Amino acid sequence: MTAIGSLAFDEFGRPFFILKEKQKRLTGVDALKAHITAAKSVASTISSSLGPKGLDKMMVSSDGDVTVTNDGATILKMMDVSNEIAKLMVQLSQSQDDEIGDGTTGVVVLAGALLDHAEQLIDKGIHPIRIADGFEMAARYALEHLEKISDSFPISKDNLEPLIQTAATTLGSKIVNRCLRQFAEIAVNAVLAVADLERKDVDFELIKVEGKQGGRLEDTVLVKGVIVDKDFSHPQMPKELKDVKLAILTCPFEPPKPKTKHKLDVTSVEDYRALRKYEQDTFEEMVQRVKDTGANLVICQWGFDDEANHLLLQKELPAVRWVGGPEIELIAIATNGRIVPRFEELTPEKLGSAGLVRELSFGTTRDKMLVIEECPNTRAVTIFIRGGNKMIVEEAKRSLHDALCVCRNLIKDNRIVYGGGAAEISCSIAVAEQADRISSLEQYAFRAFADALDSIPLALAENSGFAPIQTVTDLKARHVAEKNPWLGVDCLNKGTSDMKAQNVIETLASKKQQISLATQLVKMILKIDDVRTPQNDF
């Protein structure tokens, strides 16, 4: 083995190499093609996960944890990507997920297709800047066309069906699609419970998603209250409480302990007994003070020892210990209680109230959870997911997150387009027609953009087992002949290509964000013509 560098010796005479760091440099078209190849490889990996018949990916982390998902953002986040341009594709998907919550696979497939067609234009000798500018113009025109073909429906608590249909479209490609209607209704009811329709605002902080493996997906429920993954601190405490007054404590619920910096000498049995009696009397006084405020349940962020636990049982004061910070806050919101940081501050006015607190137990393992229901503030809700194993529960959580985001987006902006590739085909035809009216060089970029938009329906058709080119060609011909922008790929074999009849609905905000983000990323990549990467040559 040879190294480019020099040989040196340490203080013990042992030789070692000093390697000179070389820089690998790519410029011009070579750099562009390297970037495009990296981005296309990411897009081709994820395109098979698009649509209701899309395939799942199994991701195995470095420590052996297995995740099975077809959520684009999750797949890309867990991929071990080293190429810088591929990392940009991961960030693209993450941006779509953060802003919209849905369409994370489609945005990457579209960006990959745009770069693929850009490469063909570069081979024809068109300058990358002209291509980027043409793509931007075409994207602007496509967004205007989306506005024209969009539909809207009124959001009302009396008519949930349009929202449910939109949530069902999002969940159609997920692992929960056999409980499609149930999960769509849960997502819609959860969002409407915390939504302010006048301000068109949804507070996601009030929706908690809990999961417990075991049971079936059909056992998933929406609880108008809070579920805490804890049980009562003592097994002999009652399993169900009614008309509950809660003391919510973030201070230790136990006798004061001597500080470690002080030294306490217990030299005789009498001293020990006196100390023990002091601790017991102090704790009894604390328990009595809680009972005097009218509380009949204590929720404590910290723990307490077995002696204190036994005393609580004797005094008939049920308690829950080691409840986490986020749960404490949700309980306080739901029960209209105040979090008490110091024991001396506990007053009857700071107690929360709930109609029912009960303990759930599951299967033969007797795993236990607490449900706090019939709370005065019904805006705090919990979605409780069941599933056969941890992977199914986690994927169901990700699926529900997408559906919740779609419902939130519809409340903010109730305009929709129709899915199944219908919106992309309609935009593709419109952009291609506009290209014929342009006399400058950008017309080539317009046509390339129109062809790239076809990548979404092509992927949908391929993943559904159809002949992709034949299917999309037929649909484009029908779009032109029938002047119907709602015709898309019939992925579920329902016998009609009319996506409005099938109720395959996507939010306009999601579709516009996909086109905007993909175009921005492609424009940025097309402007990078020089890259240096450090390399150690051996």
Protein backbone atom coordinates (compact mmCIF):
# COMPACT_ATOMS: atom_id res chain seq x y z
CA MET A 1 0.00 0.00 0.00
CA THR A 2 1.38 3.41 -0.93
CA ALA A 3 0.36 6.79 0.35
CA ILE A 4 0.74 10.27 -1.06
CA GLY A 5 2.43 12.06 1.78
CA SER A 6 5.55 11.81 3.90
CA LEU A 7 6.87 9.44 6.52
CA ALA A 8 7.43 10.77 10.05
CA PHE A 9 8.44 9.30 13.40
CA ASP A 10 6.97 9.87 16.86
CA GLU A 11 9.01 10.29 20.08
CA PHE A 12 9.32 6.51 20.47
CA GLY A 13 10.69 6.06 16.96
CA ARG A 14 7.50 4.57 15.56
CA PRO A 15 6.85 5.53 11.93
CA PHE A 16 3.55 7.05 10.76
CA PHE A 17 2.31 8.64 7.55
CA ILE A 18 1.35 12.29 7.19
CA LEU A 19 -1.23 12.23 4.40
CA LYS A 20 -1.78 15.21 2.16
CA GLU A 21 -5.47 15.92 1.71
CA LYS A 22 -6.26 16.03 -1.98
CA GLN A 23 -9.34 17.67 -3.36
CA LYS A 24 -11.44 16.02 -5.97
CA ARG A 25 -12.93 18.69 -8.20
CA LEU A 26 -15.78 18.52 -10.68
CA THR A 27 -16.67 21.45 -12.89
CA GLY A 28 -19.14 22.43 -15.58
CA VAL A 29 -21.36 19.81 -17.17
CA ASP A 30 -19.58 16.97 -15.32
CA ALA A 31 -20.57 18.50 -11.97
CA LEU A 32 -24.16 19.04 -13.12
CA LYS A 33 -24.51 15.48 -14.37
CA ALA A 34 -23.06 14.09 -11.14
CA HIS A 35 -25.63 16.08 -9.14
CA ILE A 36 -28.50 15.01 -11.38
CA THR A 37 -27.50 11.34 -11.18
CA ALA A 38 -27.44 11.47 -7.36
CA ALA A 39 -30.85 13.16 -7.17
CA LYS A 40 -32.38 10.76 -9.72
CA SER A 41 -31.19 7.73 -7.75
CA VAL A 42 -32.99 9.01 -4.63
CA ALA A 43 -36.18 9.74 -6.61
CA SER A 44 -36.16 6.33 -8.32
CA THR A 45 -35.74 4.61 -4.93
CA ILE A 46 -38.81 6.30 -3.50
CA SER A 47 -41.09 6.38 -6.60
CA SER A 48 -42.27 2.79 -6.01
CA SER A 49 -43.87 3.96 -2.73
CA LEU A 50 -46.22 6.44 -4.47
CA GLY A 51 -49.98 5.93 -4.46
CA PRO A 52 -52.45 3.56 -2.83
CA LYS A 53 -50.72 0.51 -4.35
CA GLY A 54 -47.25 1.82 -3.51
CA LEU A 55 -44.83 -0.58 -1.86
CA ASP A 56 -43.40 -0.22 1.65
CA LYS A 57 -39.71 0.04 2.49
CA MET A 58 -37.99 -1.75 5.34
CA MET A 59 -35.37 0.45 6.96
CA VAL A 60 -32.83 -1.10 9.34
CA SER A 61 -30.93 1.35 11.53
CA SER A 62 -27.28 0.92 12.55
CA ASP A 63 -28.33 -0.52 15.92
CA GLY A 64 -30.74 -3.01 14.33
CA ASP A 65 -34.09 -1.24 14.82
CA VAL A 66 -36.48 -2.10 11.99
CA THR A 67 -38.97 0.41 10.52
CA VAL A 68 -41.47 -0.52 7.81
CA THR A 69 -43.08 2.50 6.12
CA ASN A 70 -44.10 4.07 2.81
CA ASP A 71 -44.06 7.63 4.15
CA GLY A 72 -41.62 9.48 1.90
CA ALA A 73 -40.26 11.80 4.58
CA THR A 74 -39.61 8.90 6.99
CA ILE A 75 -37.89 6.76 4.32
CA LEU A 76 -35.57 9.58 3.28
CA LYS A 77 -34.84 10.65 6.87
CA MET A 78 -33.72 7.11 7.73
CA MET A 79 -31.68 6.57 4.56
CA ASP A 80 -27.93 6.71 5.11
CA VAL A 81 -27.19 9.38 2.50
CA SER A 82 -23.65 10.73 2.04
CA ASN A 83 -23.96 12.63 -1.26
CA GLU A 84 -24.63 16.35 -0.73
CA ILE A 85 -27.26 16.61 -3.49
CA ALA A 86 -29.05 13.51 -2.20
CA LYS A 87 -29.14 15.24 1.21
CA LEU A 88 -30.90 18.18 -0.46
CA MET A 89 -33.59 15.77 -1.68
CA VAL A 90 -34.02 14.54 1.90
CA GLN A 91 -34.40 18.15 3.08
CA LEU A 92 -36.90 18.78 0.27
CA SER A 93 -39.12 15.98 1.53
CA GLN A 94 -38.72 17.20 5.11
CA SER A 95 -39.76 20.73 4.09
CA GLN A 96 -42.95 19.38 2.51
CA ASP A 97 -43.63 17.35 5.66
CA ASP A 98 -43.04 20.31 7.99
CA GLU A 99 -45.14 22.75 6.00
CA ILE A 100 -47.99 20.58 4.67
CA GLY A 101 -47.62 17.11 6.22
CA ASP A 102 -48.59 15.23 3.05
CA GLY A 103 -47.18 14.76 -0.48
CA THR A 104 -43.66 13.97 0.73
CA THR A 105 -43.13 11.19 -1.85
CA GLY A 106 -44.66 13.09 -4.77
CA VAL A 107 -42.43 16.15 -4.31
CA VAL A 108 -39.25 14.04 -4.55
CA VAL A 109 -40.51 12.09 -7.59
CA LEU A 110 -41.37 15.38 -9.33
CA ALA A 111 -37.96 16.91 -8.53
CA GLY A 112 -36.22 13.77 -9.86
CA ALA A 113 -38.25 13.91 -13.09
CA LEU A 114 -37.47 17.62 -13.59
CA LEU A 115 -33.75 16.93 -13.22
CA ASP A 116 -33.98 13.97 -15.60
CA HIS A 117 -35.53 16.18 -18.30
CA ALA A 118 -33.09 18.99 -17.51
CA GLU A 119 -30.21 16.58 -18.24
CA GLN A 120 -31.67 15.86 -21.69
CA LEU A 121 -31.87 19.59 -22.41
CA ILE A 122 -28.25 20.08 -21.26
CA ASP A 123 -27.21 17.34 -23.70
CA LYS A 124 -28.91 19.35 -26.44
CA GLY A 125 -26.66 22.28 -25.59
CA ILE A 126 -29.12 24.52 -23.72
CA HIS A 127 -27.52 26.48 -20.91
CA PRO A 128 -28.59 25.38 -17.37
CA ILE A 129 -29.58 28.96 -16.41
CA ARG A 130 -32.01 29.14 -19.35
CA ILE A 131 -33.44 25.77 -18.29
CA ALA A 132 -33.84 26.92 -14.67
CA ASP A 133 -35.56 30.15 -15.74
CA GLY A 134 -37.85 28.22 -18.08
CA PHE A 135 -38.78 25.79 -15.29
CA GLU A 136 -39.60 28.71 -13.00
CA MET A 137 -41.86 30.30 -15.63
CA ALA A 138 -43.56 26.96 -16.28
CA ALA A 139 -44.10 26.39 -12.53
CA ARG A 140 -45.71 29.82 -12.23
CA TYR A 141 -48.06 28.99 -15.11
CA ALA A 142 -48.85 25.54 -13.62
CA LEU A 143 -49.77 27.14 -10.27
CA GLU A 144 -52.13 29.56 -12.03
CA HIS A 145 -53.75 26.64 -13.83
CA LEU A 146 -54.16 24.77 -10.52
CA GLU A 147 -56.10 27.76 -9.18
CA LYS A 148 -58.45 27.55 -12.19
CA ILE A 149 -59.23 23.82 -11.85
CA SER A 150 -59.51 23.86 -8.03
CA ASP A 151 -62.79 23.21 -6.24
CA SER A 152 -63.83 24.39 -2.80
CA PHE A 153 -66.28 23.18 -0.21
CA PRO A 154 -67.53 24.79 2.99
CA ILE A 155 -66.03 23.46 6.22
CA SER A 156 -68.85 22.77 8.65
CA LYS A 157 -69.21 20.67 11.78
CA ASP A 158 -72.63 19.63 10.45
CA ASN A 159 -71.23 18.12 7.23
CA LEU A 160 -68.02 16.19 7.83
CA GLU A 161 -68.16 14.05 4.69
CA PRO A 162 -65.89 16.20 2.45
CA LEU A 163 -63.22 16.31 5.16
CA ILE A 164 -63.51 12.57 5.75
CA GLN A 165 -63.13 11.87 2.01
CA THR A 166 -59.98 14.00 1.85
CA ALA A 167 -58.48 12.31 4.92
CA ALA A 168 -59.36 8.93 3.36
CA THR A 169 -57.39 9.85 0.20
CA THR A 170 -54.32 10.54 2.34
CA LEU A 171 -54.71 7.28 4.28
CA GLY A 172 -55.42 5.21 1.14
CA SER A 173 -51.73 4.54 0.50
CA LYS A 174 -50.93 3.74 4.14
CA ILE A 175 -50.83 0.55 6.16
CA VAL A 176 -54.11 1.49 7.88
CA ASN A 177 -56.14 1.45 4.65
CA ARG A 178 -58.21 -1.56 5.75
CA CYS A 179 -59.64 0.68 8.50
CA LEU A 180 -59.81 3.63 6.13
CA ARG A 181 -63.17 5.08 7.12
CA GLN A 182 -62.58 4.65 10.85
CA PHE A 183 -59.16 6.36 10.81
CA ALA A 184 -60.40 9.17 8.54
CA GLU A 185 -63.30 9.89 10.93
CA ILE A 186 -60.95 9.81 13.94
CA ALA A 187 -58.58 12.31 12.25
CA VAL A 188 -61.43 14.68 11.27
CA ASN A 189 -63.11 14.55 14.69
CA ALA A 190 -59.78 15.14 16.45
CA VAL A 191 -58.96 18.20 14.33
CA LEU A 192 -62.45 19.68 14.65
CA ALA A 193 -62.32 19.19 18.44
CA VAL A 194 -59.29 21.50 18.69
CA ALA A 195 -60.04 23.80 15.72
CA ASP A 196 -61.14 27.42 15.87
CA LEU A 197 -63.21 27.69 12.68
CA GLU A 198 -63.66 31.47 12.97
CA ARG A 199 -59.92 32.13 13.06
CA LYS A 200 -59.22 29.13 10.76
CA ASP A 201 -56.66 27.86 13.22
CA VAL A 202 -55.85 24.39 14.60
CA ASP A 203 -53.78 23.88 17.77
CA PHE A 204 -51.93 20.60 17.22
CA GLU A 205 -50.51 20.78 20.75
CA LEU A 206 -53.93 19.71 22.05
CA ILE A 207 -53.96 16.46 20.03
CA LYS A 208 -51.95 13.69 21.66
CA VAL A 209 -51.31 10.42 19.80
CA GLU A 210 -50.66 7.40 22.05
CA GLY A 211 -49.97 3.86 20.91
CA LYS A 212 -49.98 0.47 22.59
CA GLN A 213 -48.99 -2.73 20.83
CA GLY A 214 -51.37 -5.64 21.10
CA GLY A 215 -54.95 -5.59 19.90
CA ARG A 216 -56.09 -4.76 16.37
CA LEU A 217 -56.03 -1.56 14.33
CA GLU A 218 -59.84 -1.60 14.58
CA ASP A 219 -59.51 -1.05 18.36
CA THR A 220 -58.10 2.46 17.77
CA VAL A 221 -60.29 5.08 19.45
CA LEU A 222 -60.55 8.84 19.91
CA VAL A 223 -60.73 9.80 23.59
CA LYS A 224 -62.17 13.20 24.53
CA GLY A 225 -59.64 13.65 27.28
CA VAL A 226 -56.12 12.49 28.11
CA ILE A 227 -54.55 9.02 28.20
CA VAL A 228 -51.47 8.60 30.40
CA ASP A 229 -49.20 5.59 30.08
CA LYS A 230 -49.12 5.14 33.89
CA ASP A 231 -51.23 3.39 36.50
CA PHE A 232 -52.19 4.16 40.10
CA SER A 233 -49.15 4.06 42.36
CA HIS A 234 -50.56 1.24 44.52
CA PRO A 235 -52.29 -1.88 43.11
CA GLN A 236 -55.00 -1.72 45.81
CA MET A 237 -56.11 1.80 44.92
CA PRO A 238 -59.54 1.99 43.19
CA LYS A 239 -59.50 1.38 39.42
CA GLU A 240 -62.21 3.94 38.66
CA LEU A 241 -62.93 7.36 40.15
CA LYS A 242 -65.92 9.62 39.44
CA ASP A 243 -66.31 13.39 39.94
CA VAL A 244 -62.58 13.73 40.37
CA LYS A 245 -60.74 16.75 41.77
CA LEU A 246 -57.08 16.58 40.72
CA ALA A 247 -54.07 18.10 42.44
CA ILE A 248 -51.39 18.46 39.75
CA LEU A 249 -47.97 18.63 41.43
CA THR A 250 -44.52 19.20 39.95
CA CYS A 251 -42.87 19.10 43.39
CA PRO A 252 -41.80 15.94 45.25
CA PHE A 253 -44.70 14.47 47.20
CA GLU A 254 -42.71 13.13 50.14
CA PRO A 255 -41.20 14.32 53.45
CA PRO A 256 -38.30 16.77 53.16
CA LYS A 257 -34.91 15.05 53.05
CA PRO A 258 -31.74 16.46 54.73
CA LYS A 259 -29.54 18.19 52.16
CA THR A 260 -26.39 16.29 51.23
CA LYS A 261 -24.06 19.14 52.23
CA HIS A 262 -25.21 18.84 55.84
CA LYS A 263 -24.08 16.03 58.07
CA LEU A 264 -26.72 14.36 60.21
CA ASP A 265 -25.50 12.14 63.07
CA VAL A 266 -27.98 9.58 64.37
CA THR A 267 -26.22 8.22 67.42
CA SER A 268 -29.02 6.38 69.21
CA VAL A 269 -32.20 4.43 68.61
CA GLU A 270 -34.23 7.29 70.12
CA ASP A 271 -32.77 9.77 67.59
CA TYR A 272 -33.62 7.42 64.71
CA ARG A 273 -37.18 6.93 65.99
CA ALA A 274 -37.59 10.69 66.44
CA LEU A 275 -36.41 11.30 62.86
CA ARG A 276 -38.69 8.61 61.51
CA LYS A 277 -41.66 10.01 63.45
CA TYR A 278 -40.89 13.51 62.16
CA GLU A 279 -40.87 12.25 58.55
CA GLN A 280 -44.12 10.34 59.07
CA ASP A 281 -45.87 13.25 60.78
CA THR A 282 -44.70 15.66 58.08
CA PHE A 283 -45.99 13.43 55.29
CA GLU A 284 -49.31 12.83 57.08
CA GLU A 285 -49.65 16.59 57.34
CA MET A 286 -48.94 16.93 53.59
CA VAL A 287 -51.55 14.30 52.72
CA GLN A 288 -54.09 15.94 55.03
CA ARG A 289 -53.42 19.32 53.43
CA VAL A 290 -54.15 17.83 49.99
CA LYS A 291 -57.38 16.23 51.27
CA ASP A 292 -58.43 19.50 52.93
CA THR A 293 -58.36 21.26 49.54
CA GLY A 294 -60.96 18.75 48.32
CA ALA A 295 -58.64 16.75 46.03
CA ASN A 296 -59.36 13.04 45.64
CA LEU A 297 -56.56 12.29 43.13
CA VAL A 298 -52.92 13.42 43.01
CA ILE A 299 -50.98 13.58 39.73
CA CYS A 300 -47.29 13.96 40.54
CA GLN A 301 -44.42 14.60 38.14
CA TRP A 302 -41.95 13.06 40.59
CA GLY A 303 -41.98 9.77 42.48
CA PHE A 304 -42.50 8.90 46.11
CA ASP A 305 -41.20 5.96 48.08
CA ASP A 306 -43.07 2.83 49.21
CA GLU A 307 -43.68 4.13 52.70
CA ALA A 308 -45.34 7.27 51.34
CA ASN A 309 -47.29 5.14 48.85
CA HIS A 310 -48.61 2.91 51.65
CA LEU A 311 -49.65 5.97 53.68
CA LEU A 312 -51.54 7.36 50.67
CA LEU A 313 -53.45 4.05 50.44
CA GLN A 314 -54.30 4.19 54.15
CA LYS A 315 -55.52 7.79 53.83
CA GLU A 316 -57.61 6.77 50.75
CA LEU A 317 -55.92 9.29 48.46
CA PRO A 318 -55.23 7.70 45.03
CA ALA A 319 -52.08 8.94 43.33
CA VAL A 320 -50.20 8.64 40.03
CA ARG A 321 -46.43 9.17 40.01
CA TRP A 322 -43.73 9.81 37.38
CA VAL A 323 -46.08 11.55 34.94
CA GLY A 324 -44.03 13.32 32.22
CA GLY A 325 -44.00 17.06 31.58
CA PRO A 326 -46.04 17.10 28.29
CA GLU A 327 -48.72 14.85 29.86
CA ILE A 328 -48.85 17.08 32.96
CA GLU A 329 -49.49 20.11 30.72
CA LEU A 330 -52.20 18.33 28.72
CA ILE A 331 -53.91 17.15 31.91
CA ALA A 332 -53.85 20.73 33.26
CA ILE A 333 -55.36 22.07 30.00
CA ALA A 334 -58.03 19.38 29.80
CA THR A 335 -59.11 19.59 33.46
CA ASN A 336 -58.78 23.39 33.79
CA GLY A 337 -56.35 22.81 36.65
CA ARG A 338 -53.22 24.70 37.62
CA ILE A 339 -49.80 23.08 37.86
CA VAL A 340 -48.53 23.53 41.44
CA PRO A 341 -44.72 23.83 41.67
CA ARG A 342 -44.56 24.32 45.46
CA PHE A 343 -46.56 22.36 47.97
CA GLU A 344 -47.38 25.46 50.01
CA GLU A 345 -49.19 27.01 47.01
CA LEU A 346 -51.84 24.27 46.72
CA THR A 347 -55.35 25.77 47.07
CA PRO A 348 -58.86 24.52 46.13
CA GLU A 349 -58.97 27.00 43.20
CA LYS A 350 -55.96 25.31 41.57
CA LEU A 351 -57.53 21.84 41.42
CA GLY A 352 -58.53 20.37 38.07
CA SER A 353 -61.77 18.45 37.58
CA ALA A 354 -62.79 15.42 35.51
CA GLY A 355 -65.96 13.36 35.35
CA LEU A 356 -64.21 10.01 35.17
CA VAL A 357 -60.71 8.63 35.70
CA ARG A 358 -60.36 4.92 34.96
CA GLU A 359 -57.60 2.38 34.54
CA LEU A 360 -57.40 0.33 31.32
CA SER A 361 -55.63 -3.02 31.28
CA PHE A 362 -54.60 -4.93 28.16
CA GLY A 363 -54.32 -8.62 27.35
CA THR A 364 -52.69 -11.25 29.49
CA THR A 365 -49.71 -9.00 30.24
CA ARG A 366 -52.06 -6.66 32.20
CA ASP A 367 -50.33 -3.52 30.90
CA LYS A 368 -52.14 -0.55 32.41
CA MET A 369 -52.95 2.99 31.30
CA LEU A 370 -55.05 5.78 32.82
CA VAL A 371 -57.86 7.53 30.96
CA ILE A 372 -59.02 10.97 32.15
CA GLU A 373 -62.43 11.65 30.55
CA GLU A 374 -65.40 14.04 30.75
CA CYS A 375 -63.08 17.01 31.25
CA PRO A 376 -64.43 20.59 31.31
CA ASN A 377 -62.12 21.58 28.45
CA THR A 378 -63.10 19.11 25.72
CA ARG A 379 -60.63 20.61 23.25
CA ALA A 380 -57.82 18.38 24.51
CA VAL A 381 -58.16 14.98 22.82
CA THR A 382 -56.08 11.80 22.57
CA ILE A 383 -55.96 9.31 19.71
CA PHE A 384 -55.25 5.88 21.15
CA ILE A 385 -53.81 3.50 18.53
CA ARG A 386 -53.64 -0.28 18.85
CA GLY A 387 -51.69 -2.59 16.55
CA GLY A 388 -50.23 -6.06 16.32
CA ASN A 389 -46.64 -4.94 16.89
CA LYS A 390 -44.54 -1.84 17.44
CA MET A 391 -43.89 -1.28 13.71
CA ILE A 392 -47.61 -1.22 12.87
CA VAL A 393 -48.37 1.18 15.75
CA GLU A 394 -45.56 3.55 14.69
CA GLU A 395 -46.63 3.47 11.02
CA ALA A 396 -50.26 4.10 12.06
CA LYS A 397 -49.04 7.15 14.03
CA ARG A 398 -47.22 8.48 10.94
CA SER A 399 -50.29 7.84 8.77
CA LEU A 400 -52.58 9.66 11.19
CA HIS A 401 -50.16 12.58 11.34
CA ASP A 402 -50.53 13.00 7.56
CA ALA A 403 -54.34 12.85 7.79
CA LEU A 404 -54.41 15.36 10.67
CA CYS A 405 -52.19 17.74 8.67
CA VAL A 406 -54.47 17.49 5.62
CA CYS A 407 -57.57 18.28 7.72
CA ARG A 408 -55.75 21.24 9.29
CA ASN A 409 -54.75 22.54 5.84
CA LEU A 410 -58.35 22.31 4.63
CA ILE A 411 -59.55 24.37 7.59
CA LYS A 412 -56.93 27.01 6.76
CA ASP A 413 -57.65 26.89 2.99
CA ASN A 414 -60.65 24.84 1.84
CA ARG A 415 -59.69 24.66 -1.84
CA ILE A 416 -59.01 21.21 -3.29
CA VAL A 417 -57.91 19.49 -6.49
CA TYR A 418 -58.55 15.88 -7.48
CA GLY A 419 -55.92 13.19 -7.02
CA GLY A 420 -54.89 10.12 -8.97
CA GLY A 421 -52.59 12.30 -11.10
CA ALA A 422 -55.59 14.25 -12.49
CA ALA A 423 -54.21 17.66 -11.46
CA GLU A 424 -50.74 16.86 -12.85
CA ILE A 425 -52.11 15.68 -16.22
CA SER A 426 -54.27 18.79 -16.53
CA CYS A 427 -51.30 21.05 -15.67
CA SER A 428 -49.06 19.11 -18.08
CA ILE A 429 -51.47 19.69 -20.98
CA ALA A 430 -51.84 23.40 -20.09
CA VAL A 431 -48.06 23.95 -19.80
CA ALA A 432 -47.40 22.11 -23.10
CA GLU A 433 -50.01 24.30 -24.84
CA GLN A 434 -48.40 27.41 -23.39
CA ALA A 435 -44.99 26.25 -24.72
CA ASP A 436 -46.35 26.54 -28.29
CA ARG A 437 -47.05 30.25 -27.66
CA ILE A 438 -43.47 31.01 -26.54
CA SER A 439 -40.96 31.99 -29.20
CA SER A 440 -37.85 32.06 -26.99
CA LEU A 441 -35.57 29.18 -25.97
CA GLU A 442 -37.62 28.69 -22.76
CA GLN A 443 -40.23 26.77 -24.76
CA TYR A 444 -38.00 23.68 -24.48
CA ALA A 445 -37.97 24.03 -20.69
CA PHE A 446 -41.77 24.41 -20.73
CA ARG A 447 -42.18 21.14 -22.68
CA ALA A 448 -39.69 19.40 -20.37
CA PHE A 449 -41.66 20.65 -17.34
CA ALA A 450 -44.90 19.31 -18.87
CA ASP A 451 -43.26 15.91 -19.44
CA ALA A 452 -41.92 15.91 -15.87
CA LEU A 453 -45.41 16.50 -14.46
CA ASP A 454 -46.47 13.26 -16.17
CA SER A 455 -44.03 11.37 -13.89
CA ILE A 456 -46.60 11.35 -11.06
CA PRO A 457 -49.45 9.63 -13.01
CA LEU A 458 -46.86 7.37 -14.68
CA ALA A 459 -45.59 6.21 -11.26
CA LEU A 460 -49.16 5.74 -9.99
CA ALA A 461 -50.07 3.62 -13.03
CA GLU A 462 -46.88 1.56 -12.78
CA ASN A 463 -47.35 0.90 -9.05
CA SER A 464 -50.96 -0.17 -9.72
CA GLY A 465 -49.88 -2.77 -12.29
CA PHE A 466 -51.07 -0.90 -15.41
CA ALA A 467 -49.11 -0.14 -18.58
CA PRO A 468 -47.93 3.34 -17.56
CA ILE A 469 -47.45 5.05 -20.95
CA GLN A 470 -50.65 3.61 -22.42
CA THR A 471 -52.68 4.64 -19.35
CA VAL A 472 -51.38 8.21 -19.22
CA THR A 473 -51.70 8.67 -23.01
CA ASP A 474 -55.36 7.57 -22.89
CA LEU A 475 -56.07 9.91 -19.96
CA LYS A 476 -54.44 12.89 -21.72
CA ALA A 477 -56.51 12.22 -24.84
CA ARG A 478 -59.69 12.14 -22.72
CA HIS A 479 -58.69 15.34 -20.89
CA VAL A 480 -58.42 17.16 -24.22
CA ALA A 481 -61.53 15.60 -25.76
CA GLU A 482 -63.85 15.84 -22.73
CA LYS A 483 -62.40 19.08 -21.22
CA ASN A 484 -62.55 17.29 -17.84
CA PRO A 485 -59.65 18.10 -15.44
CA TRP A 486 -60.81 15.45 -12.94
CA LEU A 487 -59.71 12.35 -14.88
CA GLY A 488 -56.93 10.41 -13.14
CA VAL A 489 -55.45 6.94 -12.78
CA ASP A 490 -57.99 4.44 -11.41
CA CYS A 491 -55.49 2.85 -9.00
CA LEU A 492 -58.17 0.96 -7.03
CA ASN A 493 -59.96 -0.48 -10.10
CA LYS A 494 -63.28 1.15 -9.26
CA GLY A 495 -64.31 1.27 -12.91
CA THR A 496 -64.17 5.05 -13.40
CA SER A 497 -61.33 7.47 -14.01
CA ASP A 498 -63.35 10.41 -12.69
CA MET A 499 -61.60 11.25 -9.42
CA LYS A 500 -64.49 13.48 -8.34
CA ALA A 501 -66.82 10.46 -8.52
CA GLN A 502 -64.27 8.36 -6.60
CA ASN A 503 -63.82 11.14 -3.99
CA VAL A 504 -60.04 11.10 -4.42
CA ILE A 505 -59.27 14.56 -3.08
CA GLU A 506 -56.04 16.46 -2.37
CA THR A 507 -55.60 19.92 -0.90
CA LEU A 508 -54.65 22.69 -3.31
CA ALA A 509 -52.05 23.91 -0.79
CA SER A 510 -50.28 20.52 -0.87
CA LYS A 511 -50.16 20.37 -4.67
CA LYS A 512 -48.94 23.97 -5.04
CA GLN A 513 -46.27 23.40 -2.39
CA GLN A 514 -45.04 20.27 -4.20
CA ILE A 515 -44.56 22.10 -7.51
CA SER A 516 -43.01 25.18 -5.87
CA LEU A 517 -40.53 23.30 -3.68
CA ALA A 518 -39.48 20.87 -6.45
CA THR A 519 -38.89 23.75 -8.89
CA GLN A 520 -36.88 25.76 -6.33
CA LEU A 521 -34.61 22.79 -5.57
CA VAL A 522 -34.07 21.95 -9.26
CA LYS A 523 -33.23 25.58 -10.02
CA MET A 524 -30.67 25.58 -7.21
CA ILE A 525 -29.06 22.31 -8.38
CA LEU A 526 -28.85 23.55 -11.98
CA LYS A 527 -26.86 26.57 -10.81
CA ILE A 528 -24.14 24.47 -9.10
CA ASP A 529 -21.37 23.88 -11.66
CA ASP A 530 -18.31 23.49 -9.42
CA VAL A 531 -17.84 21.13 -6.50
CA ARG A 532 -14.78 20.24 -4.45
CA THR A 533 -14.73 17.30 -2.09
CA PRO A 534 -11.72 16.45 0.12
CA GLN A 535 -10.25 13.01 -0.54
CA ASN A 536 -7.45 11.03 1.09
CA ASP A 537 -5.70 8.89 -1.55
CA PHE A 538 -4.09 5.64 -0.47
